[in-house]
Amino acid sequence: MGFTSILGFAQQLIRQSVQPNDIVVDATLGTGNDALFLLSQLNKKGLLFGFDVQKDAILRTKSRLSSNITSTILSPFVLFHESHANWQYRIPQHYCGKIGAVMFNLGYLPNGENDNIITETHSTITALQTACHWIRPNGIITIVVYPGHYGGRHESEHVFNWCSSLDQNEFHVLRYQLCNKHDHSPFLLAIKKI
C-alpha cells in the first residue's frame, strides 16, 4: 500500500462503520480532506467536530468545506483551533459513547507555513485515549502514521505500542502497511470498538 491507498483504505474502513446520522471527529484537520470525506458520509442529522492547532489548517478546512457544500453534504460542522488532546472540553459530554468515527492523520500540515509544527506524541496519545472512551460500539478510529518525517518515528512507535496495549476484549486493532514496520512508509492503524 502506498500513500494514496493507505488514505483510501482508511476511508473504506470508515465507510463500513459510519451511519448517516453519526457524530464524527477529524482530530487533525490539515487541509480538510478527511473532514470533507467524513461529511460526505453523513446526512443532515450527522455532525462533524474538527481540531487543529494551526490557524492555517482551520482556514483551509473551512474553505474546502464551504466550496464543496452541496445537496449531498448537509451535515453541520464545528471546527476548533486547538489541540485534539482537549476534545473532552469542547465536544458536549452527551456525545460521549456516541461517536461513530474518528480520523487521525498524523504529521505536519502539507505546504504549511511551518513544517516544524507536527503532531506531538503526548497530545496524540491523550486524544486517542479520549477517542477510545467516546466512540460507540462498532465505532472506529483510524490513524494514518508517517514515520519518515522529523519526530515521526518517535510518535509512530509510541502510537503503535499504545494501540498494542489496548484490551483485546474491548477493541480490535489492525495494522496495514506495504513494508515492514521499520520502513519509513506510512501505515494505518484501525481501532474498532467491540
N, C-alpha and C. Protein backbone atom coordinates (compact mmCIF):
# COMPACT_ATOMS: atom_id res chain seq x y z
N MET A 1 0.83 -1.18 0.00
CA MET A 1 0.00 0.00 0.00
C MET A 1 0.87 1.24 0.00
N GLY A 2 0.62 2.13 -0.89
CA GLY A 2 1.34 3.39 -0.92
C GLY A 2 0.57 4.46 -0.19
N PHE A 3 1.04 5.69 -0.34
CA PHE A 3 0.45 6.84 0.34
C PHE A 3 -1.04 6.96 0.07
N THR A 4 -1.41 6.95 -1.21
CA THR A 4 -2.81 7.13 -1.58
C THR A 4 -3.66 5.97 -1.09
N SER A 5 -3.19 4.76 -1.25
CA SER A 5 -4.01 3.63 -0.86
C SER A 5 -4.17 3.49 0.65
N ILE A 6 -3.20 3.97 1.41
CA ILE A 6 -3.36 3.97 2.87
C ILE A 6 -4.52 4.88 3.25
N LEU A 7 -4.56 6.09 2.68
CA LEU A 7 -5.66 7.02 2.96
C LEU A 7 -6.98 6.46 2.43
N GLY A 8 -6.93 5.88 1.24
CA GLY A 8 -8.13 5.28 0.66
C GLY A 8 -8.65 4.12 1.49
N PHE A 9 -7.74 3.34 2.03
CA PHE A 9 -8.17 2.21 2.86
C PHE A 9 -8.76 2.71 4.18
N ALA A 10 -8.21 3.77 4.74
CA ALA A 10 -8.80 4.36 5.95
C ALA A 10 -10.23 4.79 5.66
N GLN A 11 -10.44 5.41 4.50
CA GLN A 11 -11.79 5.83 4.13
C GLN A 11 -12.72 4.64 3.95
N GLN A 12 -12.20 3.57 3.36
CA GLN A 12 -13.02 2.37 3.18
C GLN A 12 -13.47 1.81 4.53
N LEU A 13 -12.58 1.77 5.50
CA LEU A 13 -12.94 1.28 6.83
C LEU A 13 -13.98 2.19 7.49
N ILE A 14 -13.83 3.50 7.29
CA ILE A 14 -14.82 4.44 7.84
C ILE A 14 -16.18 4.20 7.19
N ARG A 15 -16.20 4.06 5.87
CA ARG A 15 -17.47 3.83 5.15
C ARG A 15 -18.21 2.60 5.69
N GLN A 16 -17.46 1.58 6.07
CA GLN A 16 -18.07 0.34 6.57
C GLN A 16 -18.65 0.50 7.97
N SER A 17 -18.24 1.55 8.69
CA SER A 17 -18.66 1.69 10.08
C SER A 17 -19.63 2.84 10.34
N VAL A 18 -19.50 3.92 9.58
CA VAL A 18 -20.27 5.13 9.87
C VAL A 18 -21.71 5.00 9.42
N GLN A 19 -22.59 5.49 10.27
CA GLN A 19 -24.02 5.59 9.94
C GLN A 19 -24.31 7.03 9.52
N PRO A 20 -25.29 7.27 8.67
CA PRO A 20 -25.53 8.62 8.14
C PRO A 20 -25.81 9.70 9.19
N ASN A 21 -26.35 9.32 10.33
CA ASN A 21 -26.65 10.33 11.37
C ASN A 21 -25.65 10.30 12.52
N ASP A 22 -24.46 9.77 12.27
CA ASP A 22 -23.42 9.68 13.30
C ASP A 22 -22.80 11.04 13.64
N ILE A 23 -22.15 11.07 14.78
CA ILE A 23 -21.27 12.15 15.18
C ILE A 23 -19.86 11.64 14.85
N VAL A 24 -19.06 12.45 14.15
CA VAL A 24 -17.71 12.04 13.75
C VAL A 24 -16.72 13.14 14.11
N VAL A 25 -15.45 12.75 14.18
CA VAL A 25 -14.39 13.69 14.57
C VAL A 25 -13.22 13.57 13.61
N ASP A 26 -12.77 14.71 13.10
CA ASP A 26 -11.49 14.79 12.39
C ASP A 26 -10.53 15.40 13.40
N ALA A 27 -9.66 14.57 13.96
CA ALA A 27 -8.78 15.01 15.06
C ALA A 27 -7.60 15.84 14.58
N THR A 28 -7.32 15.82 13.29
CA THR A 28 -6.18 16.55 12.72
C THR A 28 -6.61 17.11 11.37
N LEU A 29 -7.21 18.28 11.34
CA LEU A 29 -7.85 18.80 10.14
C LEU A 29 -6.93 18.94 8.93
N GLY A 30 -5.73 19.45 9.13
CA GLY A 30 -4.81 19.61 8.00
C GLY A 30 -5.42 20.45 6.90
N THR A 31 -5.52 19.89 5.70
CA THR A 31 -6.07 20.63 4.55
C THR A 31 -7.57 20.42 4.38
N GLY A 32 -8.18 19.62 5.24
CA GLY A 32 -9.63 19.43 5.19
C GLY A 32 -10.11 18.24 4.38
N ASN A 33 -9.20 17.46 3.85
CA ASN A 33 -9.62 16.30 3.04
C ASN A 33 -10.41 15.28 3.85
N ASP A 34 -9.92 14.94 5.03
CA ASP A 34 -10.63 13.95 5.86
C ASP A 34 -11.96 14.51 6.34
N ALA A 35 -12.00 15.78 6.69
CA ALA A 35 -13.25 16.40 7.14
C ALA A 35 -14.29 16.34 6.02
N LEU A 36 -13.88 16.67 4.81
CA LEU A 36 -14.80 16.63 3.68
C LEU A 36 -15.30 15.20 3.44
N PHE A 37 -14.38 14.24 3.51
CA PHE A 37 -14.79 12.85 3.35
C PHE A 37 -15.79 12.45 4.44
N LEU A 38 -15.49 12.76 5.70
CA LEU A 38 -16.40 12.40 6.79
C LEU A 38 -17.78 13.02 6.59
N LEU A 39 -17.83 14.30 6.21
CA LEU A 39 -19.12 14.94 5.98
C LEU A 39 -19.90 14.27 4.86
N SER A 40 -19.20 13.78 3.86
CA SER A 40 -19.87 13.13 2.72
C SER A 40 -20.55 11.83 3.13
N GLN A 41 -20.21 11.30 4.29
CA GLN A 41 -20.80 10.05 4.77
C GLN A 41 -22.05 10.29 5.62
N LEU A 42 -22.35 11.55 5.91
CA LEU A 42 -23.42 11.88 6.86
C LEU A 42 -24.63 12.50 6.19
N ASN A 43 -25.77 12.43 6.88
CA ASN A 43 -26.95 13.17 6.45
C ASN A 43 -27.09 14.41 7.33
N LYS A 44 -28.19 15.13 7.21
CA LYS A 44 -28.31 16.39 7.95
C LYS A 44 -28.46 16.20 9.46
N LYS A 45 -28.67 14.97 9.91
CA LYS A 45 -28.71 14.71 11.35
C LYS A 45 -27.33 14.41 11.92
N GLY A 46 -26.35 14.18 11.05
CA GLY A 46 -24.99 13.91 11.49
C GLY A 46 -24.29 15.20 11.90
N LEU A 47 -23.10 15.06 12.45
CA LEU A 47 -22.35 16.23 12.93
C LEU A 47 -20.85 15.91 12.92
N LEU A 48 -20.06 16.86 12.45
CA LEU A 48 -18.60 16.73 12.43
C LEU A 48 -17.99 17.73 13.40
N PHE A 49 -17.07 17.25 14.22
CA PHE A 49 -16.21 18.11 15.02
C PHE A 49 -14.79 17.96 14.47
N GLY A 50 -14.06 19.07 14.36
CA GLY A 50 -12.70 19.01 13.86
C GLY A 50 -11.75 19.84 14.70
N PHE A 51 -10.49 19.39 14.76
CA PHE A 51 -9.47 20.04 15.58
C PHE A 51 -8.18 20.23 14.81
N ASP A 52 -7.52 21.35 15.04
CA ASP A 52 -6.15 21.55 14.57
C ASP A 52 -5.54 22.71 15.33
N VAL A 53 -4.23 22.61 15.60
CA VAL A 53 -3.53 23.67 16.34
C VAL A 53 -3.11 24.82 15.45
N GLN A 54 -3.19 24.63 14.13
CA GLN A 54 -2.75 25.68 13.21
C GLN A 54 -3.95 26.42 12.61
N LYS A 55 -3.91 27.73 12.71
CA LYS A 55 -4.97 28.56 12.16
C LYS A 55 -5.10 28.34 10.66
N ASP A 56 -3.97 28.15 9.98
CA ASP A 56 -3.99 27.90 8.54
C ASP A 56 -4.80 26.65 8.21
N ALA A 57 -4.70 25.62 9.03
CA ALA A 57 -5.47 24.39 8.80
C ALA A 57 -6.97 24.65 8.96
N ILE A 58 -7.33 25.45 9.95
CA ILE A 58 -8.75 25.79 10.15
C ILE A 58 -9.27 26.54 8.93
N LEU A 59 -8.51 27.53 8.46
CA LEU A 59 -8.92 28.32 7.31
C LEU A 59 -9.03 27.47 6.05
N ARG A 60 -8.05 26.59 5.83
CA ARG A 60 -8.09 25.72 4.66
C ARG A 60 -9.30 24.79 4.70
N THR A 61 -9.56 24.24 5.89
CA THR A 61 -10.69 23.32 6.02
C THR A 61 -12.00 24.04 5.81
N LYS A 62 -12.17 25.21 6.41
CA LYS A 62 -13.41 25.98 6.21
C LYS A 62 -13.63 26.28 4.74
N SER A 63 -12.55 26.67 4.07
CA SER A 63 -12.65 26.98 2.65
C SER A 63 -13.03 25.73 1.84
N ARG A 64 -12.37 24.61 2.11
CA ARG A 64 -12.66 23.37 1.39
C ARG A 64 -14.11 22.93 1.63
N LEU A 65 -14.55 22.99 2.87
CA LEU A 65 -15.91 22.54 3.18
C LEU A 65 -16.94 23.49 2.56
N SER A 66 -16.69 24.79 2.67
CA SER A 66 -17.63 25.77 2.12
C SER A 66 -17.75 25.66 0.61
N SER A 67 -16.63 25.42 -0.06
CA SER A 67 -16.67 25.33 -1.53
C SER A 67 -17.23 24.01 -2.02
N ASN A 68 -17.38 23.03 -1.13
CA ASN A 68 -17.91 21.72 -1.53
C ASN A 68 -19.28 21.41 -0.95
N ILE A 69 -19.87 22.38 -0.28
CA ILE A 69 -21.20 22.15 0.27
C ILE A 69 -22.18 22.01 -0.89
N THR A 70 -22.85 20.88 -0.93
CA THR A 70 -23.84 20.60 -1.97
C THR A 70 -25.03 19.94 -1.32
N SER A 71 -25.95 19.54 -2.12
CA SER A 71 -27.12 18.85 -1.57
C SER A 71 -26.75 17.51 -0.95
N THR A 72 -25.56 16.97 -1.27
CA THR A 72 -25.16 15.69 -0.69
C THR A 72 -24.38 15.88 0.62
N ILE A 73 -23.93 17.10 0.89
CA ILE A 73 -23.23 17.37 2.15
C ILE A 73 -24.07 18.38 2.93
N LEU A 74 -24.87 17.86 3.84
CA LEU A 74 -25.82 18.70 4.56
C LEU A 74 -25.51 18.83 6.04
N SER A 75 -24.59 18.02 6.53
CA SER A 75 -24.33 17.97 7.97
C SER A 75 -23.65 19.23 8.46
N PRO A 76 -24.00 19.64 9.67
CA PRO A 76 -23.27 20.77 10.27
C PRO A 76 -21.89 20.33 10.73
N PHE A 77 -21.01 21.32 10.90
CA PHE A 77 -19.67 21.03 11.39
C PHE A 77 -19.22 22.14 12.32
N VAL A 78 -18.37 21.77 13.27
CA VAL A 78 -17.80 22.72 14.24
C VAL A 78 -16.30 22.46 14.26
N LEU A 79 -15.52 23.51 14.00
CA LEU A 79 -14.06 23.38 13.95
C LEU A 79 -13.44 24.14 15.12
N PHE A 80 -12.47 23.51 15.77
CA PHE A 80 -11.80 24.11 16.92
C PHE A 80 -10.33 24.35 16.61
N HIS A 81 -9.88 25.56 16.85
CA HIS A 81 -8.47 25.91 16.67
C HIS A 81 -7.74 25.59 17.96
N GLU A 82 -7.54 24.32 18.19
CA GLU A 82 -6.80 23.85 19.36
C GLU A 82 -6.46 22.38 19.22
N SER A 83 -5.71 21.89 20.17
CA SER A 83 -5.22 20.52 20.14
C SER A 83 -6.35 19.51 20.28
N HIS A 84 -6.20 18.41 19.56
CA HIS A 84 -7.15 17.30 19.70
C HIS A 84 -7.12 16.72 21.11
N ALA A 85 -6.07 16.98 21.86
CA ALA A 85 -5.99 16.49 23.24
C ALA A 85 -7.04 17.13 24.14
N ASN A 86 -7.63 18.24 23.70
CA ASN A 86 -8.61 18.97 24.52
C ASN A 86 -10.05 18.66 24.14
N TRP A 87 -10.27 17.63 23.34
CA TRP A 87 -11.62 17.46 22.82
C TRP A 87 -12.67 17.22 23.90
N GLN A 88 -12.30 16.58 25.01
CA GLN A 88 -13.30 16.32 26.05
C GLN A 88 -13.81 17.61 26.70
N TYR A 89 -13.10 18.73 26.48
CA TYR A 89 -13.53 20.02 27.00
C TYR A 89 -14.35 20.81 25.97
N ARG A 90 -14.34 20.37 24.73
CA ARG A 90 -15.02 21.10 23.65
C ARG A 90 -16.26 20.40 23.12
N ILE A 91 -16.19 19.09 22.96
CA ILE A 91 -17.36 18.35 22.47
C ILE A 91 -18.30 18.12 23.66
N PRO A 92 -19.58 18.44 23.50
CA PRO A 92 -20.52 18.26 24.62
C PRO A 92 -20.50 16.83 25.17
N GLN A 93 -20.56 16.72 26.48
CA GLN A 93 -20.46 15.43 27.17
C GLN A 93 -21.52 14.43 26.75
N HIS A 94 -22.68 14.91 26.32
CA HIS A 94 -23.74 13.96 25.96
C HIS A 94 -23.41 13.15 24.70
N TYR A 95 -22.31 13.51 24.00
CA TYR A 95 -21.87 12.71 22.86
C TYR A 95 -20.89 11.60 23.27
N CYS A 96 -20.51 11.56 24.53
CA CYS A 96 -19.60 10.53 25.00
C CYS A 96 -20.25 9.15 24.82
N GLY A 97 -19.53 8.23 24.17
CA GLY A 97 -20.06 6.90 23.89
C GLY A 97 -20.92 6.84 22.64
N LYS A 98 -21.00 7.96 21.89
CA LYS A 98 -21.86 8.01 20.70
C LYS A 98 -21.13 8.39 19.43
N ILE A 99 -19.81 8.55 19.49
CA ILE A 99 -19.04 8.94 18.31
C ILE A 99 -18.89 7.73 17.39
N GLY A 100 -19.23 7.89 16.11
CA GLY A 100 -19.17 6.79 15.16
C GLY A 100 -17.80 6.57 14.56
N ALA A 101 -17.05 7.66 14.36
CA ALA A 101 -15.73 7.52 13.73
C ALA A 101 -14.85 8.70 14.10
N VAL A 102 -13.55 8.41 14.22
CA VAL A 102 -12.53 9.43 14.46
C VAL A 102 -11.39 9.16 13.49
N MET A 103 -10.96 10.21 12.81
CA MET A 103 -9.82 10.08 11.90
C MET A 103 -8.65 10.91 12.41
N PHE A 104 -7.48 10.28 12.46
CA PHE A 104 -6.21 10.95 12.77
C PHE A 104 -5.32 10.81 11.54
N ASN A 105 -4.73 11.89 11.10
CA ASN A 105 -3.77 11.89 10.01
C ASN A 105 -2.55 12.63 10.57
N LEU A 106 -1.64 11.88 11.16
CA LEU A 106 -0.55 12.47 11.94
C LEU A 106 0.53 13.07 11.05
N GLY A 107 1.36 13.91 11.65
CA GLY A 107 2.48 14.50 10.92
C GLY A 107 2.43 16.01 10.96
N TYR A 108 2.54 16.63 9.79
CA TYR A 108 2.55 18.09 9.70
C TYR A 108 1.62 18.54 8.57
N LEU A 109 1.30 19.81 8.56
CA LEU A 109 0.41 20.38 7.56
C LEU A 109 1.13 20.49 6.22
N PRO A 110 0.70 19.75 5.20
CA PRO A 110 1.36 19.83 3.90
C PRO A 110 1.31 21.25 3.33
N ASN A 111 2.43 21.70 2.81
CA ASN A 111 2.53 23.05 2.23
C ASN A 111 2.13 24.14 3.22
N GLY A 112 2.36 23.87 4.49
CA GLY A 112 2.05 24.86 5.52
C GLY A 112 3.19 25.84 5.70
N GLU A 113 2.95 26.82 6.54
CA GLU A 113 3.95 27.86 6.78
C GLU A 113 5.14 27.33 7.57
N ASN A 114 4.92 26.28 8.39
CA ASN A 114 5.97 25.80 9.27
C ASN A 114 5.92 24.28 9.38
N ASP A 115 6.81 23.58 8.67
CA ASP A 115 6.85 22.12 8.72
C ASP A 115 7.33 21.59 10.05
N ASN A 116 7.83 22.46 10.93
CA ASN A 116 8.28 22.04 12.25
C ASN A 116 7.12 21.88 13.23
N ILE A 117 5.94 22.36 12.86
CA ILE A 117 4.76 22.15 13.70
C ILE A 117 4.19 20.79 13.32
N ILE A 118 4.36 19.83 14.21
CA ILE A 118 3.94 18.46 13.95
C ILE A 118 3.03 17.99 15.08
N THR A 119 2.32 16.89 14.82
CA THR A 119 1.57 16.29 15.91
C THR A 119 2.57 15.78 16.94
N GLU A 120 2.22 15.92 18.19
CA GLU A 120 3.10 15.56 19.29
C GLU A 120 2.61 14.27 19.96
N THR A 121 3.55 13.43 20.34
CA THR A 121 3.21 12.13 20.91
C THR A 121 2.27 12.24 22.09
N HIS A 122 2.58 13.12 23.04
CA HIS A 122 1.76 13.22 24.26
C HIS A 122 0.32 13.60 23.93
N SER A 123 0.14 14.63 23.10
CA SER A 123 -1.23 15.06 22.80
C SER A 123 -1.95 14.02 21.95
N THR A 124 -1.23 13.34 21.08
CA THR A 124 -1.86 12.30 20.25
C THR A 124 -2.35 11.14 21.12
N ILE A 125 -1.52 10.68 22.05
CA ILE A 125 -1.93 9.58 22.94
C ILE A 125 -3.11 10.01 23.80
N THR A 126 -3.08 11.24 24.31
CA THR A 126 -4.21 11.75 25.10
C THR A 126 -5.49 11.74 24.27
N ALA A 127 -5.40 12.22 23.01
CA ALA A 127 -6.57 12.25 22.14
C ALA A 127 -7.05 10.83 21.81
N LEU A 128 -6.13 9.90 21.61
CA LEU A 128 -6.52 8.52 21.33
C LEU A 128 -7.22 7.88 22.53
N GLN A 129 -6.74 8.16 23.73
CA GLN A 129 -7.39 7.65 24.93
C GLN A 129 -8.81 8.18 25.03
N THR A 130 -8.98 9.47 24.75
CA THR A 130 -10.31 10.07 24.77
C THR A 130 -11.18 9.43 23.70
N ALA A 131 -10.64 9.27 22.49
CA ALA A 131 -11.41 8.68 21.40
C ALA A 131 -11.91 7.29 21.75
N CYS A 132 -11.06 6.48 22.36
CA CYS A 132 -11.47 5.12 22.75
C CYS A 132 -12.61 5.15 23.76
N HIS A 133 -12.61 6.13 24.61
CA HIS A 133 -13.67 6.27 25.62
C HIS A 133 -14.97 6.80 24.99
N TRP A 134 -14.85 7.63 23.97
CA TRP A 134 -16.01 8.33 23.40
C TRP A 134 -16.68 7.60 22.24
N ILE A 135 -16.00 6.65 21.57
CA ILE A 135 -16.66 6.00 20.44
C ILE A 135 -17.71 5.00 20.91
N ARG A 136 -18.69 4.83 20.07
CA ARG A 136 -19.78 3.89 20.35
C ARG A 136 -19.35 2.47 19.99
N PRO A 137 -20.10 1.46 20.44
CA PRO A 137 -19.82 0.09 19.98
C PRO A 137 -19.88 0.05 18.45
N ASN A 138 -18.95 -0.64 17.85
CA ASN A 138 -18.77 -0.72 16.39
C ASN A 138 -18.26 0.58 15.78
N GLY A 139 -17.92 1.55 16.62
CA GLY A 139 -17.28 2.76 16.14
C GLY A 139 -15.83 2.47 15.79
N ILE A 140 -15.23 3.36 15.00
CA ILE A 140 -13.87 3.12 14.52
C ILE A 140 -13.00 4.36 14.65
N ILE A 141 -11.73 4.11 14.90
CA ILE A 141 -10.70 5.15 14.92
C ILE A 141 -9.67 4.74 13.89
N THR A 142 -9.36 5.63 12.95
CA THR A 142 -8.28 5.36 12.00
C THR A 142 -7.15 6.33 12.27
N ILE A 143 -5.93 5.81 12.21
CA ILE A 143 -4.74 6.61 12.48
C ILE A 143 -3.74 6.37 11.35
N VAL A 144 -3.53 7.37 10.51
CA VAL A 144 -2.52 7.28 9.47
C VAL A 144 -1.25 7.89 10.04
N VAL A 145 -0.17 7.11 10.04
CA VAL A 145 1.07 7.47 10.70
C VAL A 145 2.19 7.58 9.65
N TYR A 146 3.00 8.62 9.79
CA TYR A 146 4.10 8.88 8.86
C TYR A 146 5.43 8.89 9.62
N PRO A 147 6.12 7.77 9.69
CA PRO A 147 7.37 7.73 10.46
C PRO A 147 8.55 8.41 9.78
N GLY A 148 8.42 8.83 8.53
CA GLY A 148 9.55 9.34 7.78
C GLY A 148 9.94 10.79 8.02
N HIS A 149 9.09 11.58 8.69
CA HIS A 149 9.44 12.99 8.92
C HIS A 149 10.08 13.17 10.29
N TYR A 150 10.64 14.35 10.51
CA TYR A 150 11.27 14.65 11.80
C TYR A 150 10.25 14.46 12.92
N GLY A 151 10.55 13.63 13.89
CA GLY A 151 9.66 13.34 15.01
C GLY A 151 8.66 12.24 14.72
N GLY A 152 8.53 11.85 13.45
CA GLY A 152 7.53 10.87 13.06
C GLY A 152 7.81 9.47 13.57
N ARG A 153 9.07 9.07 13.56
CA ARG A 153 9.40 7.72 14.03
C ARG A 153 9.09 7.58 15.53
N HIS A 154 9.46 8.58 16.31
CA HIS A 154 9.18 8.55 17.75
C HIS A 154 7.68 8.45 18.00
N GLU A 155 6.90 9.30 17.32
CA GLU A 155 5.45 9.27 17.51
C GLU A 155 4.87 7.94 17.05
N SER A 156 5.32 7.45 15.90
CA SER A 156 4.74 6.21 15.36
C SER A 156 5.00 5.03 16.30
N GLU A 157 6.19 4.96 16.87
CA GLU A 157 6.50 3.87 17.81
C GLU A 157 5.61 3.93 19.04
N HIS A 158 5.42 5.13 19.58
CA HIS A 158 4.57 5.27 20.78
C HIS A 158 3.10 4.97 20.47
N VAL A 159 2.63 5.44 19.32
CA VAL A 159 1.24 5.17 18.95
C VAL A 159 1.04 3.68 18.72
N PHE A 160 1.96 3.04 18.02
CA PHE A 160 1.85 1.61 17.78
C PHE A 160 1.86 0.83 19.10
N ASN A 161 2.78 1.16 20.00
CA ASN A 161 2.85 0.47 21.30
C ASN A 161 1.59 0.70 22.12
N TRP A 162 1.07 1.94 22.07
CA TRP A 162 -0.15 2.24 22.82
C TRP A 162 -1.31 1.40 22.28
N CYS A 163 -1.46 1.34 20.95
CA CYS A 163 -2.53 0.55 20.35
C CYS A 163 -2.39 -0.93 20.71
N SER A 164 -1.16 -1.41 20.75
CA SER A 164 -0.91 -2.82 21.09
C SER A 164 -1.30 -3.13 22.52
N SER A 165 -1.35 -2.11 23.38
CA SER A 165 -1.68 -2.33 24.79
C SER A 165 -3.18 -2.29 25.08
N LEU A 166 -4.00 -2.00 24.08
CA LEU A 166 -5.44 -1.92 24.31
C LEU A 166 -6.02 -3.28 24.66
N ASP A 167 -7.06 -3.28 25.46
CA ASP A 167 -7.74 -4.50 25.88
C ASP A 167 -8.38 -5.18 24.67
N GLN A 168 -7.93 -6.39 24.33
CA GLN A 168 -8.44 -7.09 23.16
C GLN A 168 -9.87 -7.56 23.32
N ASN A 169 -10.40 -7.52 24.54
CA ASN A 169 -11.80 -7.86 24.76
C ASN A 169 -12.71 -6.66 24.48
N GLU A 170 -12.11 -5.49 24.39
CA GLU A 170 -12.89 -4.27 24.16
C GLU A 170 -12.63 -3.65 22.79
N PHE A 171 -11.40 -3.85 22.25
CA PHE A 171 -11.02 -3.23 20.99
C PHE A 171 -10.32 -4.23 20.08
N HIS A 172 -10.60 -4.10 18.81
CA HIS A 172 -9.91 -4.89 17.79
C HIS A 172 -8.99 -3.92 17.04
N VAL A 173 -7.67 -4.21 17.04
CA VAL A 173 -6.70 -3.32 16.41
C VAL A 173 -6.09 -4.01 15.20
N LEU A 174 -6.09 -3.29 14.07
CA LEU A 174 -5.50 -3.79 12.84
C LEU A 174 -4.42 -2.83 12.38
N ARG A 175 -3.39 -3.37 11.73
CA ARG A 175 -2.31 -2.55 11.19
C ARG A 175 -2.13 -2.90 9.72
N TYR A 176 -2.01 -1.87 8.89
CA TYR A 176 -1.85 -2.05 7.45
C TYR A 176 -0.64 -1.24 6.99
N GLN A 177 0.25 -1.91 6.25
CA GLN A 177 1.43 -1.24 5.72
C GLN A 177 2.00 -2.04 4.57
N LEU A 178 2.56 -1.34 3.60
CA LEU A 178 3.16 -2.00 2.45
C LEU A 178 4.42 -2.77 2.85
N CYS A 179 5.27 -2.10 3.63
CA CYS A 179 6.56 -2.69 4.01
C CYS A 179 6.55 -3.01 5.50
N ASN A 180 7.68 -3.50 5.99
CA ASN A 180 7.75 -3.82 7.42
C ASN A 180 7.74 -2.56 8.27
N LYS A 181 7.50 -2.70 9.55
CA LYS A 181 7.33 -1.54 10.42
C LYS A 181 8.60 -0.73 10.61
N HIS A 182 9.73 -1.19 10.14
CA HIS A 182 10.96 -0.41 10.27
C HIS A 182 11.21 0.48 9.06
N ASP A 183 10.32 0.40 8.09
CA ASP A 183 10.43 1.23 6.90
C ASP A 183 9.88 2.63 7.22
N HIS A 184 10.15 3.59 6.34
CA HIS A 184 9.66 4.96 6.52
C HIS A 184 8.32 5.19 5.87
N SER A 185 7.73 4.18 5.26
CA SER A 185 6.45 4.38 4.57
C SER A 185 5.32 4.54 5.58
N PRO A 186 4.27 5.29 5.19
CA PRO A 186 3.15 5.49 6.09
C PRO A 186 2.43 4.16 6.35
N PHE A 187 1.77 4.10 7.49
CA PHE A 187 0.95 2.93 7.77
C PHE A 187 -0.33 3.36 8.47
N LEU A 188 -1.27 2.46 8.50
CA LEU A 188 -2.58 2.72 9.06
C LEU A 188 -2.83 1.80 10.23
N LEU A 189 -3.29 2.38 11.32
CA LEU A 189 -3.79 1.62 12.46
C LEU A 189 -5.29 1.88 12.53
N ALA A 190 -6.05 0.83 12.70
CA ALA A 190 -7.50 0.96 12.83
C ALA A 190 -7.92 0.31 14.13
N ILE A 191 -8.67 1.04 14.92
CA ILE A 191 -9.17 0.55 16.21
C ILE A 191 -10.68 0.48 16.13
N LYS A 192 -11.20 -0.71 16.27
CA LYS A 192 -12.67 -0.91 16.22
C LYS A 192 -13.14 -1.28 17.61
N LYS A 193 -14.13 -0.56 18.11
CA LYS A 193 -14.69 -0.88 19.43
C LYS A 193 -15.65 -2.04 19.29
N ILE A 194 -15.47 -3.04 20.12
CA ILE A 194 -16.30 -4.25 20.07
C ILE A 194 -17.63 -4.00 20.77
